[in-house]
Amino acid sequence: MRLITHNLLKSTVRGVSDGYPLAIEAAEVEVVEADFNPEFIENVLDKLEWTVLVEAARTLGVTDLPEELSDEDRGNPEVLQRIHHALLEIH
């Protein structure tokens, strides 16, 4: 599952009081290259829970995302590329 999907999912299992975020237990992590579209990444940033993304990415071995996303980061192509990698290329 891509981290972009993980960031938007919530458990609907009965008896679960807070089903967000879902826990990640990856037996295997695969990297699949995807075309980089900085405009898409910039547009999706406001829909993401940043701290959840950073924590999930670390669980999968991605440690190069900033703790907090500044306005400067949002316009930085290198940071956008790292976000793209975490969101769309890690499976």
C-alpha atoms as a PDB file:
ATOM      1  CA  MET A   1       0.000   0.000   0.000  1.00  0.00           C
ATOM      2  CA  ARG A   2       1.301   3.451  -0.818  1.00  0.00           C
ATOM      3  CA  LEU A   3       1.687   5.921   2.018  1.00  0.00           C
ATOM      4  CA  ILE A   4      -0.653   8.368   0.289  1.00  0.00           C
ATOM      5  CA  THR A   5      -3.405   5.759   0.672  1.00  0.00           C
ATOM      6  CA  HIS A   6      -2.391   4.930   4.242  1.00  0.00           C
ATOM      7  CA  ASN A   7      -2.599   8.599   5.182  1.00  0.00           C
ATOM      8  CA  LEU A   8      -6.234   8.808   4.090  1.00  0.00           C
ATOM      9  CA  LEU A   9      -7.560   5.495   5.480  1.00  0.00           C
ATOM     10  CA  LYS A  10      -9.386   4.995   8.754  1.00  0.00           C
ATOM     11  CA  SER A  11     -10.515   1.750  10.358  1.00  0.00           C
ATOM     12  CA  THR A  12     -14.270   1.186  10.505  1.00  0.00           C
ATOM     13  CA  VAL A  13     -14.091  -1.990  12.595  1.00  0.00           C
ATOM     14  CA  ARG A  14     -16.703  -2.089  15.359  1.00  0.00           C
ATOM     15  CA  GLY A  15     -15.329  -1.407  18.785  1.00  0.00           C
ATOM     16  CA  VAL A  16     -12.397   0.664  17.531  1.00  0.00           C
ATOM     17  CA  SER A  17     -12.685   4.095  19.111  1.00  0.00           C
ATOM     18  CA  ASP A  18     -10.012   5.825  17.060  1.00  0.00           C
ATOM     19  CA  GLY A  19      -9.156   4.009  13.859  1.00  0.00           C
ATOM     20  CA  TYR A  20      -6.652   6.562  12.618  1.00  0.00           C
ATOM     21  CA  PRO A  21      -3.864   6.181  11.786  1.00  0.00           C
ATOM     22  CA  LEU A  22      -3.683   2.521  10.886  1.00  0.00           C
ATOM     23  CA  ALA A  23      -0.660   0.664  12.213  1.00  0.00           C
ATOM     24  CA  ILE A  24       1.913  -0.453   9.646  1.00  0.00           C
ATOM     25  CA  GLU A  25       3.685  -3.786   9.925  1.00  0.00           C
ATOM     26  CA  ALA A  26       5.541  -4.337   6.649  1.00  0.00           C
ATOM     27  CA  ALA A  27       7.052  -7.732   5.983  1.00  0.00           C
ATOM     28  CA  GLU A  28       8.593  -6.407   2.782  1.00  0.00           C
ATOM     29  CA  VAL A  29       9.071  -2.916   1.365  1.00  0.00           C
ATOM     30  CA  GLU A  30       9.262  -2.376  -2.379  1.00  0.00           C
ATOM     31  CA  VAL A  31      10.295   0.777  -4.229  1.00  0.00           C
ATOM     32  CA  VAL A  32       8.540   1.318  -7.555  1.00  0.00           C
ATOM     33  CA  GLU A  33       9.544   4.419  -9.493  1.00  0.00           C
ATOM     34  CA  ALA A  34       6.755   6.811 -10.437  1.00  0.00           C
ATOM     35  CA  ASP A  35       6.822   9.946 -12.585  1.00  0.00           C
ATOM     36  CA  PHE A  36       7.458  13.038 -10.475  1.00  0.00           C
ATOM     37  CA  ASN A  37       4.699  15.633 -10.689  1.00  0.00           C
ATOM     38  CA  PRO A  38       5.516  18.526  -8.344  1.00  0.00           C
ATOM     39  CA  GLU A  39       2.133  20.203  -8.901  1.00  0.00           C
ATOM     40  CA  PHE A  40       0.324  17.068  -7.724  1.00  0.00           C
ATOM     41  CA  ILE A  41       2.506  16.848  -4.616  1.00  0.00           C
ATOM     42  CA  GLU A  42       1.930  20.538  -3.815  1.00  0.00           C
ATOM     43  CA  ASN A  43      -1.845  20.084  -4.176  1.00  0.00           C
ATOM     44  CA  VAL A  44      -2.052  16.947  -2.037  1.00  0.00           C
ATOM     45  CA  LEU A  45      -0.044  18.408   0.872  1.00  0.00           C
ATOM     46  CA  ASP A  46      -3.066  20.187   2.376  1.00  0.00           C
ATOM     47  CA  LYS A  47      -5.019  16.921   2.436  1.00  0.00           C
ATOM     48  CA  LEU A  48      -2.346  14.993   4.367  1.00  0.00           C
ATOM     49  CA  GLU A  49      -1.764  14.607   8.069  1.00  0.00           C
ATOM     50  CA  TRP A  50       1.932  15.472   7.992  1.00  0.00           C
ATOM     51  CA  THR A  51       2.961  13.928  11.321  1.00  0.00           C
ATOM     52  CA  VAL A  52       1.206  10.669  10.390  1.00  0.00           C
ATOM     53  CA  LEU A  53       3.059  10.607   7.057  1.00  0.00           C
ATOM     54  CA  VAL A  54       6.442  11.201   8.695  1.00  0.00           C
ATOM     55  CA  GLU A  55       5.836   8.486  11.292  1.00  0.00           C
ATOM     56  CA  ALA A  56       4.620   5.970   8.692  1.00  0.00           C
ATOM     57  CA  ALA A  57       7.560   6.758   6.403  1.00  0.00           C
ATOM     58  CA  ARG A  58      10.009   6.160   9.248  1.00  0.00           C
ATOM     59  CA  THR A  59       8.361   2.812   9.934  1.00  0.00           C
ATOM     60  CA  LEU A  60       9.243   1.872   6.353  1.00  0.00           C
ATOM     61  CA  GLY A  61      12.807   3.224   6.519  1.00  0.00           C
ATOM     62  CA  VAL A  62      12.296   6.659   4.943  1.00  0.00           C
ATOM     63  CA  THR A  63      13.999   9.129   7.268  1.00  0.00           C
ATOM     64  CA  ASP A  64      14.609  12.180   5.072  1.00  0.00           C
ATOM     65  CA  LEU A  65      11.267  13.980   5.506  1.00  0.00           C
ATOM     66  CA  PRO A  66      11.270  17.138   7.642  1.00  0.00           C
ATOM     67  CA  GLU A  67       9.570  16.910  11.059  1.00  0.00           C
ATOM     68  CA  GLU A  68       7.414  19.898  10.169  1.00  0.00           C
ATOM     69  CA  LEU A  69       6.567  21.142   6.696  1.00  0.00           C
ATOM     70  CA  SER A  70       7.312  24.839   6.275  1.00  0.00           C
ATOM     71  CA  ASP A  71       6.142  27.138   3.478  1.00  0.00           C
ATOM     72  CA  GLU A  72       9.734  27.114   2.260  1.00  0.00           C
ATOM     73  CA  ASP A  73       9.659  23.304   2.030  1.00  0.00           C
ATOM     74  CA  ARG A  74       6.464  23.418  -0.041  1.00  0.00           C
ATOM     75  CA  GLY A  75       8.293  25.282  -2.793  1.00  0.00           C
ATOM     76  CA  ASN A  76      11.564  23.363  -2.578  1.00  0.00           C
ATOM     77  CA  PRO A  77      11.889  20.862  -5.472  1.00  0.00           C
ATOM     78  CA  GLU A  78      14.243  18.627  -3.458  1.00  0.00           C
ATOM     79  CA  VAL A  79      11.795  18.368  -0.554  1.00  0.00           C
ATOM     80  CA  LEU A  80       8.888  17.789  -2.952  1.00  0.00           C
ATOM     81  CA  GLN A  81      10.880  14.958  -4.568  1.00  0.00           C
ATOM     82  CA  ARG A  82      11.432  13.321  -1.166  1.00  0.00           C
ATOM     83  CA  ILE A  83       7.722  13.655  -0.363  1.00  0.00           C
ATOM     84  CA  HIS A  84       6.874  12.168  -3.779  1.00  0.00           C
ATOM     85  CA  HIS A  85       9.163   9.238  -3.030  1.00  0.00           C
ATOM     86  CA  ALA A  86       7.541   8.568   0.347  1.00  0.00           C
ATOM     87  CA  LEU A  87       3.961   8.978  -0.901  1.00  0.00           C
ATOM     88  CA  LEU A  88       4.050   7.259  -4.258  1.00  0.00           C
ATOM     89  CA  GLU A  89       7.140   5.087  -4.688  1.00  0.00           C
ATOM     90  CA  ILE A  90       7.227   3.120  -1.431  1.00  0.00           C
ATOM     91  CA  HIS A  91       4.944   0.066  -1.468  1.00  0.00           C
END
